[in-house]
C-alpha atoms as a PDB file:
ATOM      1  CA  MET A   1       8.720  16.717  -9.826  1.00  0.00           C
ATOM      2  CA  GLY A   2       6.137  19.468  -9.365  1.00  0.00           C
ATOM      3  CA  ARG A   3       2.459  19.467 -10.179  1.00  0.00           C
ATOM      4  CA  GLU A   4       2.894  21.242 -13.503  1.00  0.00           C
ATOM      5  CA  ALA A   5       5.532  18.767 -14.682  1.00  0.00           C
ATOM      6  CA  LEU A   6       3.379  15.810 -13.657  1.00  0.00           C
ATOM      7  CA  GLU A   7       0.324  17.185 -15.476  1.00  0.00           C
ATOM      8  CA  ALA A   8       2.431  17.962 -18.556  1.00  0.00           C
ATOM      9  CA  ALA A   9       3.486  14.302 -18.552  1.00  0.00           C
ATOM     10  CA  GLY A  10      -0.179  13.230 -18.531  1.00  0.00           C
ATOM     11  CA  VAL A  11      -0.458  12.436 -14.823  1.00  0.00           C
ATOM     12  CA  ARG A  12      -3.781  13.303 -13.172  1.00  0.00           C
ATOM     13  CA  VAL A  13      -3.021  15.264  -9.997  1.00  0.00           C
ATOM     14  CA  VAL A  14      -5.654  15.232  -7.252  1.00  0.00           C
ATOM     15  CA  ILE A  15      -5.516  17.518  -4.224  1.00  0.00           C
ATOM     16  CA  VAL A  16      -7.315  16.133  -1.177  1.00  0.00           C
ATOM     17  CA  PRO A  17      -8.248  18.999   1.168  1.00  0.00           C
ATOM     18  CA  GLY A  18      -7.925  18.182   4.834  1.00  0.00           C
ATOM     19  CA  ALA A  19      -5.462  15.342   4.310  1.00  0.00           C
ATOM     20  CA  GLY A  20      -1.872  15.217   5.439  1.00  0.00           C
ATOM     21  CA  HIS A  21       0.883  12.835   4.409  1.00  0.00           C
ATOM     22  CA  ASN A  22      -1.318   9.743   4.807  1.00  0.00           C
ATOM     23  CA  VAL A  23      -4.162  10.571   2.452  1.00  0.00           C
ATOM     24  CA  MET A  24      -5.542   7.038   2.528  1.00  0.00           C
ATOM     25  CA  PHE A  25      -5.918   7.215   6.320  1.00  0.00           C
ATOM     26  CA  ASP A  26      -6.855  10.894   6.702  1.00  0.00           C
ATOM     27  CA  ARG A  27      -9.566  10.915   4.022  1.00  0.00           C
ATOM     28  CA  PRO A  28     -10.231   7.280   3.000  1.00  0.00           C
ATOM     29  CA  ASP A  29     -13.468   7.956   1.096  1.00  0.00           C
ATOM     30  CA  THR A  30     -11.939  10.766  -0.958  1.00  0.00           C
ATOM     31  CA  PHE A  31      -8.802   8.696  -1.568  1.00  0.00           C
ATOM     32  CA  ALA A  32     -10.847   5.722  -2.797  1.00  0.00           C
ATOM     33  CA  ALA A  33     -12.916   7.974  -5.061  1.00  0.00           C
ATOM     34  CA  ALA A  34      -9.758   9.527  -6.519  1.00  0.00           C
ATOM     35  CA  VAL A  35      -8.187   6.140  -7.192  1.00  0.00           C
ATOM     36  CA  ALA A  36     -11.415   4.962  -8.805  1.00  0.00           C
ATOM     37  CA  GLY A  37     -11.526   8.128 -10.929  1.00  0.00           C
ATOM     38  CA  ARG A  38     -14.733   9.447  -9.384  1.00  0.00           C
ATOM     39  CA  THR A  39     -13.568  12.925  -8.355  1.00  0.00           C
ATOM     40  CA  GLU A  40     -14.561  16.127 -10.083  1.00  0.00           C
ATOM     41  CA  ARG A  41     -11.621  17.829 -11.771  1.00  0.00           C
ATOM     42  CA  SER A  42     -12.781  21.319 -10.780  1.00  0.00           C
ATOM     43  CA  ALA A  43     -12.968  20.321  -7.112  1.00  0.00           C
ATOM     44  CA  THR A  44      -9.344  19.178  -7.153  1.00  0.00           C
ATOM     45  CA  GLU A  45      -7.861  22.296  -8.697  1.00  0.00           C
ATOM     46  CA  GLN A  46      -7.113  23.982  -5.395  1.00  0.00           C
ATOM     47  CA  ALA A  47      -3.879  25.442  -4.129  1.00  0.00           C
ATOM     48  CA  VAL A  48      -1.886  23.243  -1.816  1.00  0.00           C
ATOM     49  CA  GLY A  49      -1.702  24.821   1.624  1.00  0.00           C
ATOM     50  CA  PRO A  50      -1.422  23.864   5.267  1.00  0.00           C
ATOM     51  CA  GLY A  51      -3.423  20.763   6.102  1.00  0.00           C
ATOM     52  CA  THR A  52      -3.716  19.581   2.509  1.00  0.00           C
ATOM     53  CA  SER A  53      -1.904  16.941   0.585  1.00  0.00           C
ATOM     54  CA  GLY A  54       0.271  17.263  -2.435  1.00  0.00           C
ATOM     55  CA  PRO A  55      -0.242  15.299  -5.642  1.00  0.00           C
ATOM     56  CA  LEU A  56      -1.958  12.021  -5.173  1.00  0.00           C
END
């Protein structure tokens, strides 16, 4: 399922820049903030590219 399909289903997608496949280990503070719902939506609306994670 892609990002658009997830968002259409009501899933909040968070992109964590600088994280790889292990978001919780690569960027633990950002991961915890995302899980707790404390991330800014505008900051997460970035294209997925090298060195970034997919949907969280």
